[in-house]
């Protein structure tokens, strides 16, 4: 305890508060999870979610850590994730939008590499909020600073951009079936573009839509094979449309009770049609079935590993189970992974597993 106190004092005197978070992460990684299985819901209910891992800096991925003195003398500076929001994953590579970095952290979980992506010139990013990687490896970034969707190829070379500050303020982007789907905070609509020509194909809902269909502050988006889900921060709901733009239903309402929202942000849908909704105010994720019935929440205000601190984005992943299988308790079978970003706190990206008893 004396050693940790001295380190804390040294860091504060040096004016390096960000490194203090790294020290806390290191301590937690060494002692906080040893022999401990963090699950939701807690016993005696049947466990559905197991917390598996978290990462907040390069050393959490590479395994190579430099001491404080090495940092002071400039031999190796730490590489932290500072303020993450959006996240995408493809082939074991994680792309994290960082609003403070004004770029992305790109983490290769298979090769155990970490790097910053801060393009210059035409590809410059200002405030990247959300991102998406398509089947070809092209990266699409919704940038509220540029007020455009910025596109890079599979080699991270700038390809082009969609929109302009005069017409759009994008908050999220998906690419499905050769169409680019964008939530636009300026027009309060979902805009749909052709993936190759970037031509605007349609937008919805209409400006004079009734109260149920209208979008007030669309912040996050999830497009499935037949539906479009939009988290509407201004209405405290998730609104669901057909891919043609027809309003179907909404989930949630304003309030503090289960099934209600205060600051709904990231959303995701699993293969069974269950909806996952991040609430930055409650600092948790609520899961609803395809009929809008609440199944369970998980997370909660930060009190240690597995909990959340101003969470923003959620992504469900079926393709990289092998990378986290070693963390799954032997009593459970892993069905898919759930990634959640935290804008503050020592754990910037949490990885959970949806599990079932063996």
Protein backbone atom coordinates (compact mmCIF):
# COMPACT_ATOMS: atom_id res chain seq x y z
CA UNK A 1 0.00 0.00 0.00
CA UNK A 2 2.90 2.34 0.75
CA UNK A 3 4.40 1.65 -2.67
CA UNK A 4 1.12 2.44 -4.43
CA UNK A 5 0.72 5.68 -2.46
CA UNK A 6 4.22 6.85 -3.41
CA UNK A 7 3.58 6.04 -7.06
CA UNK A 8 0.32 7.98 -6.97
CA UNK A 9 2.07 11.00 -5.48
CA UNK A 10 4.85 10.86 -8.06
CA UNK A 11 2.39 10.68 -10.94
CA UNK A 12 0.40 13.65 -9.71
CA UNK A 13 3.53 15.72 -9.16
CA UNK A 14 4.65 14.93 -12.68
CA UNK A 15 1.25 15.95 -14.04
CA UNK A 16 0.54 12.59 -15.68
CA UNK A 17 -2.97 11.73 -14.46
CA UNK A 18 -3.61 9.41 -17.41
CA UNK A 19 -0.83 7.11 -16.29
CA UNK A 20 -2.46 6.76 -12.89
CA UNK A 21 -5.35 4.96 -14.58
CA UNK A 22 -2.87 2.57 -16.14
CA UNK A 23 -1.39 1.79 -12.74
CA UNK A 24 -4.84 1.03 -11.36
CA UNK A 25 -5.60 -1.23 -14.31
CA UNK A 26 -2.36 -3.10 -13.76
CA UNK A 27 -3.15 -3.63 -10.08
CA UNK A 28 -6.66 -4.84 -10.87
CA UNK A 29 -5.42 -7.13 -13.60
CA UNK A 30 -3.02 -8.77 -11.17
CA UNK A 31 -5.32 -9.14 -8.16
CA UNK A 32 -8.90 -8.08 -8.89
CA UNK A 33 -9.94 -11.05 -11.02
CA UNK A 34 -7.82 -13.87 -9.62
CA UNK A 35 -10.13 -16.78 -8.88
CA UNK A 36 -13.17 -14.54 -9.29
CA UNK A 37 -15.96 -15.11 -11.81
CA UNK A 38 -18.12 -12.03 -12.41
CA UNK A 39 -21.57 -12.91 -13.72
CA UNK A 40 -24.98 -11.40 -14.43
CA UNK A 41 -27.56 -11.95 -13.12
CA UNK A 42 -26.07 -12.99 -9.78
CA UNK A 43 -26.97 -16.32 -8.16
CA UNK A 44 -29.37 -17.96 -7.62
CA UNK A 45 -30.67 -16.80 -11.02
CA UNK A 46 -29.39 -18.60 -14.12
CA UNK A 47 -26.22 -16.91 -15.35
CA UNK A 48 -26.46 -15.40 -18.85
CA UNK A 49 -23.53 -12.97 -18.97
CA UNK A 50 -19.95 -13.56 -17.80
CA UNK A 51 -17.45 -10.72 -17.71
CA UNK A 52 -14.34 -11.99 -19.52
CA UNK A 53 -11.71 -9.28 -20.01
CA UNK A 54 -10.98 -5.57 -20.29
CA UNK A 55 -8.31 -3.45 -21.95
CA UNK A 56 -7.35 0.19 -21.60
CA UNK A 57 -3.86 0.57 -23.08
CA UNK A 58 -1.35 -1.00 -25.42
CA UNK A 59 0.30 -3.08 -22.70
CA UNK A 60 -3.00 -4.86 -22.01
CA UNK A 61 -2.75 -6.20 -25.57
CA UNK A 62 0.98 -6.60 -26.17
CA UNK A 63 1.87 -7.76 -22.66
CA UNK A 64 4.90 -5.45 -22.66
CA UNK A 65 4.86 -2.83 -19.94
CA UNK A 66 7.37 -0.07 -19.41
CA UNK A 67 8.12 1.10 -15.89
CA UNK A 68 7.49 4.63 -14.68
CA UNK A 69 11.16 5.57 -14.89
CA UNK A 70 11.35 4.42 -18.50
CA UNK A 71 8.44 6.72 -19.26
CA UNK A 72 10.02 9.66 -17.44
CA UNK A 73 13.25 9.40 -19.41
CA UNK A 74 11.45 9.02 -22.72
CA UNK A 75 12.36 5.44 -23.51
CA UNK A 76 8.81 4.23 -24.01
CA UNK A 77 5.64 6.24 -23.50
CA UNK A 78 2.45 4.41 -22.56
CA UNK A 79 -0.26 4.21 -25.21
CA UNK A 80 -3.65 4.56 -23.55
CA UNK A 81 -7.18 4.44 -24.88
CA UNK A 82 -8.27 7.88 -23.69
CA UNK A 83 -11.98 8.49 -24.36
CA UNK A 84 -13.52 5.77 -26.51
CA UNK A 85 -16.97 5.89 -28.02
CA UNK A 86 -17.63 3.78 -31.11
CA UNK A 87 -16.19 0.33 -31.76
CA UNK A 88 -16.10 -2.16 -34.62
CA UNK A 89 -14.42 -5.56 -34.94
CA UNK A 90 -13.49 -7.67 -37.96
CA UNK A 91 -11.19 -10.69 -38.20
CA UNK A 92 -9.90 -10.10 -34.68
CA UNK A 93 -9.03 -6.46 -35.32
CA UNK A 94 -10.78 -3.92 -33.08
CA UNK A 95 -11.32 -0.33 -34.26
CA UNK A 96 -12.05 2.18 -31.48
CA UNK A 97 -13.15 5.78 -32.11
CA UNK A 98 -11.44 8.05 -29.59
CA UNK A 99 -12.79 11.59 -29.39
CA UNK A 100 -9.74 12.93 -27.52
CA UNK A 101 -7.19 11.30 -29.83
CA UNK A 102 -9.20 12.64 -32.82
CA UNK A 103 -8.57 9.29 -34.43
CA UNK A 104 -8.83 5.60 -33.71
CA UNK A 105 -7.00 2.97 -31.72
CA UNK A 106 -6.57 -0.16 -33.84
CA UNK A 107 -5.96 -3.35 -31.90
CA UNK A 108 -5.09 -6.67 -33.51
CA UNK A 109 -6.08 -9.26 -30.91
CA UNK A 110 -4.47 -12.13 -32.83
CA UNK A 111 -1.11 -10.46 -33.46
CA UNK A 112 -1.26 -8.56 -30.14
CA UNK A 113 -0.54 -5.16 -31.63
CA UNK A 114 -1.82 -1.69 -30.75
CA UNK A 115 -1.52 1.50 -32.77
CA UNK A 116 -3.10 4.90 -33.22
CA UNK A 117 -4.73 5.83 -36.52
CA UNK A 118 -4.61 9.62 -36.97
CA UNK A 119 -4.87 10.35 -40.69
CA UNK A 120 -3.86 13.69 -42.15
CA UNK A 121 -4.75 15.59 -45.28
CA UNK A 122 -8.09 14.76 -46.89
CA UNK A 123 -8.64 11.92 -44.44
CA UNK A 124 -8.27 14.11 -41.35
CA UNK A 125 -10.59 13.23 -38.46
CA UNK A 126 -11.84 15.78 -35.93
CA UNK A 127 -14.32 14.07 -33.60
CA UNK A 128 -14.91 10.45 -34.65
CA UNK A 129 -17.94 9.07 -32.81
CA UNK A 130 -18.83 5.74 -34.41
CA UNK A 131 -17.37 3.45 -37.04
CA UNK A 132 -18.14 0.38 -39.12
CA UNK A 133 -16.00 -2.05 -41.11
CA UNK A 134 -17.65 -3.72 -44.11
CA UNK A 135 -17.01 -7.12 -45.68
CA UNK A 136 -14.19 -5.75 -47.85
CA UNK A 137 -12.39 -4.24 -44.88
CA UNK A 138 -13.36 -0.65 -45.72
CA UNK A 139 -13.62 1.58 -42.65
CA UNK A 140 -16.47 4.10 -42.35
CA UNK A 141 -16.23 6.76 -39.62
CA UNK A 142 -19.08 9.02 -38.50
CA UNK A 143 -17.30 12.25 -37.54
CA UNK A 144 -19.42 14.91 -35.80
CA UNK A 145 -16.52 17.38 -35.99
CA UNK A 146 -16.19 17.16 -39.79
CA UNK A 147 -19.94 16.53 -40.00
CA UNK A 148 -19.24 13.85 -42.58
CA UNK A 149 -18.87 10.11 -42.90
CA UNK A 150 -15.21 9.53 -43.82
CA UNK A 151 -14.27 6.39 -45.75
CA UNK A 152 -10.94 4.50 -45.88
CA UNK A 153 -10.03 1.37 -47.84
CA UNK A 154 -8.70 -1.89 -46.41
CA UNK A 155 -5.21 -0.34 -46.29
CA UNK A 156 -6.59 2.66 -44.35
CA UNK A 157 -6.08 4.98 -47.30
CA UNK A 158 -8.60 7.80 -47.67
CA UNK A 159 -11.28 7.01 -50.26
CA UNK A 160 -13.85 9.76 -49.88
CA UNK A 161 -16.51 11.29 -47.67
CA UNK A 162 -20.28 11.61 -47.55
CA UNK A 163 -22.24 14.68 -46.57
CA UNK A 164 -21.28 18.24 -45.67
CA UNK A 165 -21.63 20.50 -42.62
CA UNK A 166 -24.46 22.33 -44.37
CA UNK A 167 -26.64 19.25 -44.58
CA UNK A 168 -25.64 16.62 -42.05
CA UNK A 169 -24.24 15.81 -38.61
CA UNK A 170 -23.70 12.03 -38.62
CA UNK A 171 -23.71 10.12 -35.35
CA UNK A 172 -23.49 6.49 -36.49
CA UNK A 173 -22.99 4.44 -39.64
CA UNK A 174 -23.70 0.87 -40.80
CA UNK A 175 -22.99 -0.70 -44.20
CA UNK A 176 -25.41 -3.46 -45.17
CA UNK A 177 -26.34 -4.87 -48.61
CA UNK A 178 -24.33 -2.27 -50.55
CA UNK A 179 -26.01 0.59 -48.74
CA UNK A 180 -24.57 3.06 -46.24
CA UNK A 181 -26.97 3.79 -43.40
CA UNK A 182 -26.33 6.97 -41.40
CA UNK A 183 -28.11 8.53 -38.42
CA UNK A 184 -28.20 12.29 -38.90
CA UNK A 185 -28.63 14.57 -35.90
CA UNK A 186 -29.18 17.66 -38.07
CA UNK A 187 -32.15 16.43 -40.12
CA UNK A 188 -33.39 13.98 -37.43
CA UNK A 189 -33.42 11.20 -39.99
CA UNK A 190 -31.74 8.02 -41.16
CA UNK A 191 -30.02 8.64 -44.50
CA UNK A 192 -29.41 5.76 -46.91
CA UNK A 193 -26.67 6.05 -49.56
CA UNK A 194 -25.48 3.77 -52.35
CA UNK A 195 -22.24 2.16 -51.18
CA UNK A 196 -20.44 2.65 -54.52
CA UNK A 197 -21.78 5.92 -55.94
CA UNK A 198 -22.51 7.55 -52.56
CA UNK A 199 -25.79 8.75 -54.03
CA UNK A 200 -28.52 9.51 -51.50
CA UNK A 201 -31.23 6.90 -52.08
CA UNK A 202 -33.75 7.85 -49.42
CA UNK A 203 -34.17 9.14 -45.89
CA UNK A 204 -36.72 8.53 -43.16
CA UNK A 205 -38.84 9.28 -41.23
CA UNK A 206 -40.46 12.24 -42.94
CA UNK A 207 -40.15 15.64 -41.28
CA UNK A 208 -43.88 15.72 -40.60
CA UNK A 209 -44.00 12.18 -39.23
CA UNK A 210 -46.32 11.59 -36.33
CA UNK A 211 -44.93 11.55 -32.81
CA UNK A 212 -44.41 7.78 -32.71
CA UNK A 213 -42.29 7.60 -35.87
CA UNK A 214 -40.44 10.90 -35.49
CA UNK A 215 -36.77 10.97 -34.50
CA UNK A 216 -35.74 13.71 -32.10
CA UNK A 217 -32.04 13.00 -31.42
CA UNK A 218 -30.90 9.84 -33.25
CA UNK A 219 -27.56 8.78 -31.79
CA UNK A 220 -26.90 5.13 -32.64
CA UNK A 221 -27.92 2.67 -35.29
CA UNK A 222 -28.17 -1.07 -35.92
CA UNK A 223 -29.30 -2.46 -39.28
CA UNK A 224 -30.30 -6.13 -39.51
CA UNK A 225 -31.48 -8.15 -42.50
CA UNK A 226 -35.01 -6.78 -42.19
CA UNK A 227 -35.09 -3.93 -39.64
CA UNK A 228 -33.45 -0.65 -38.70
CA UNK A 229 -33.03 0.10 -34.98
CA UNK A 230 -32.31 3.68 -33.88
CA UNK A 231 -31.63 4.90 -30.35
CA UNK A 232 -33.42 8.22 -29.97
CA UNK A 233 -31.82 10.12 -27.10
CA UNK A 234 -34.38 12.89 -27.38
CA UNK A 235 -37.35 10.54 -27.01
CA UNK A 236 -35.70 8.15 -24.50
CA UNK A 237 -36.60 5.23 -26.75
CA UNK A 238 -35.28 2.82 -29.33
CA UNK A 239 -37.34 3.11 -32.51
CA UNK A 240 -37.65 0.30 -35.02
CA UNK A 241 -38.38 0.65 -38.74
CA UNK A 242 -38.46 -1.60 -41.77
CA UNK A 243 -35.54 -1.14 -44.14
CA UNK A 244 -37.91 0.82 -46.37
CA UNK A 245 -38.48 3.28 -43.54
CA UNK A 246 -41.87 2.19 -42.26
CA UNK A 247 -42.20 2.68 -38.51
CA UNK A 248 -42.90 -0.54 -36.61
CA UNK A 249 -42.62 0.08 -32.87
CA UNK A 250 -40.63 1.71 -30.10
CA UNK A 251 -39.08 0.20 -26.99
CA UNK A 252 -38.64 1.97 -23.68
CA UNK A 253 -39.73 5.27 -22.17
CA UNK A 254 -38.32 7.97 -19.94
CA UNK A 255 -37.83 6.91 -16.33
CA UNK A 256 -35.68 5.21 -13.75
CA UNK A 257 -37.40 1.84 -13.72
CA UNK A 258 -36.45 -1.41 -15.43
CA UNK A 259 -37.18 -1.21 -19.13
CA UNK A 260 -36.93 2.60 -19.11
CA UNK A 261 -34.12 4.88 -20.29
CA UNK A 262 -32.45 8.13 -19.31
CA UNK A 263 -29.61 8.33 -21.89
CA UNK A 264 -29.95 5.50 -24.44
CA UNK A 265 -26.89 5.27 -26.68
CA UNK A 266 -25.28 2.19 -28.24
CA UNK A 267 -27.55 -0.59 -29.50
CA UNK A 268 -26.99 -4.07 -30.90
CA UNK A 269 -29.16 -7.00 -31.97
CA UNK A 270 -28.19 -10.66 -31.63
CA UNK A 271 -29.12 -13.47 -34.04
CA UNK A 272 -32.23 -14.29 -32.02
CA UNK A 273 -33.55 -10.75 -32.41
CA UNK A 274 -32.80 -9.70 -28.84
CA UNK A 275 -32.04 -5.98 -28.49
CA UNK A 276 -29.18 -4.69 -26.31
CA UNK A 277 -29.35 -1.04 -25.23
CA UNK A 278 -26.59 0.92 -23.48
CA UNK A 279 -27.80 3.58 -21.04
CA UNK A 280 -25.08 6.08 -20.18
CA UNK A 281 -27.04 7.44 -17.20
CA UNK A 282 -27.80 4.08 -15.58
CA UNK A 283 -24.35 2.85 -16.70
CA UNK A 284 -25.71 -0.51 -17.72
CA UNK A 285 -27.02 -2.53 -20.65
CA UNK A 286 -30.62 -3.71 -20.82
CA UNK A 287 -31.62 -6.70 -22.95
CA UNK A 288 -35.07 -6.95 -24.57
CA UNK A 289 -36.60 -9.81 -26.55
CA UNK A 290 -37.88 -9.32 -30.11
CA UNK A 291 -41.28 -8.33 -28.75
CA UNK A 292 -39.82 -5.56 -26.59
CA UNK A 293 -40.08 -7.39 -23.27
CA UNK A 294 -37.23 -6.78 -20.83
CA UNK A 295 -35.12 -9.90 -20.26
CA UNK A 296 -32.38 -8.58 -17.96
CA UNK A 297 -29.90 -5.77 -17.31
CA UNK A 298 -26.18 -6.19 -16.72
CA UNK A 299 -23.32 -3.94 -15.69
CA UNK A 300 -24.12 -1.00 -13.44
CA UNK A 301 -22.22 2.01 -12.01
CA UNK A 302 -18.51 1.27 -11.69
CA UNK A 303 -17.42 -0.61 -8.60
CA UNK A 304 -14.77 -2.81 -10.14
CA UNK A 305 -14.16 -5.10 -13.13
CA UNK A 306 -17.30 -5.96 -15.07
CA UNK A 307 -19.10 -2.70 -14.28
CA UNK A 308 -19.38 0.43 -16.40
CA UNK A 309 -18.41 4.10 -16.35
CA UNK A 310 -20.32 6.25 -18.85
CA UNK A 311 -20.71 3.44 -21.40
CA UNK A 312 -21.30 4.41 -25.02
CA UNK A 313 -21.15 1.61 -27.61
CA UNK A 314 -22.06 -2.05 -27.69
CA UNK A 315 -21.08 -4.59 -30.36
CA UNK A 316 -22.04 -8.27 -30.55
CA UNK A 317 -19.46 -10.58 -32.14
CA UNK A 318 -19.82 -14.24 -33.16
CA UNK A 319 -16.55 -14.57 -35.08
CA UNK A 320 -13.80 -14.27 -32.49
CA UNK A 321 -14.89 -16.59 -29.68
CA UNK A 322 -11.58 -18.47 -29.73
CA UNK A 323 -9.69 -15.35 -28.67
CA UNK A 324 -11.57 -15.20 -25.35
CA UNK A 325 -12.46 -18.85 -24.74
CA UNK A 326 -9.72 -19.22 -22.12
CA UNK A 327 -11.51 -16.71 -19.88
CA UNK A 328 -14.82 -18.61 -19.89
CA UNK A 329 -15.59 -20.52 -16.71
CA UNK A 330 -15.68 -24.27 -17.35
CA UNK A 331 -19.27 -24.40 -16.11
CA UNK A 332 -20.45 -22.31 -19.07
CA UNK A 333 -20.62 -22.60 -22.85
CA UNK A 334 -19.82 -19.40 -24.76
CA UNK A 335 -22.37 -18.40 -27.43
CA UNK A 336 -21.10 -14.95 -28.45
CA UNK A 337 -19.07 -11.94 -27.32
CA UNK A 338 -20.31 -8.53 -26.22
CA UNK A 339 -17.98 -5.50 -26.37
CA UNK A 340 -18.88 -2.33 -24.42
CA UNK A 341 -16.87 0.91 -24.42
CA UNK A 342 -16.54 3.10 -21.31
CA UNK A 343 -15.71 6.76 -21.82
CA UNK A 344 -14.27 7.12 -18.31
CA UNK A 345 -12.76 4.95 -15.59
CA UNK A 346 -9.91 2.44 -15.59
CA UNK A 347 -11.59 -0.11 -17.90
CA UNK A 348 -12.10 1.48 -21.32
CA UNK A 349 -13.31 -1.63 -23.18
CA UNK A 350 -15.16 -4.44 -21.43
CA UNK A 351 -15.60 -7.84 -23.04
CA UNK A 352 -18.46 -10.06 -21.88
CA UNK A 353 -19.63 -13.46 -22.99
CA UNK A 354 -23.22 -14.54 -23.43
CA UNK A 355 -23.13 -18.00 -21.88
CA UNK A 356 -25.35 -20.94 -21.08
CA UNK A 357 -24.82 -23.69 -18.50
CA UNK A 358 -23.09 -26.83 -19.69
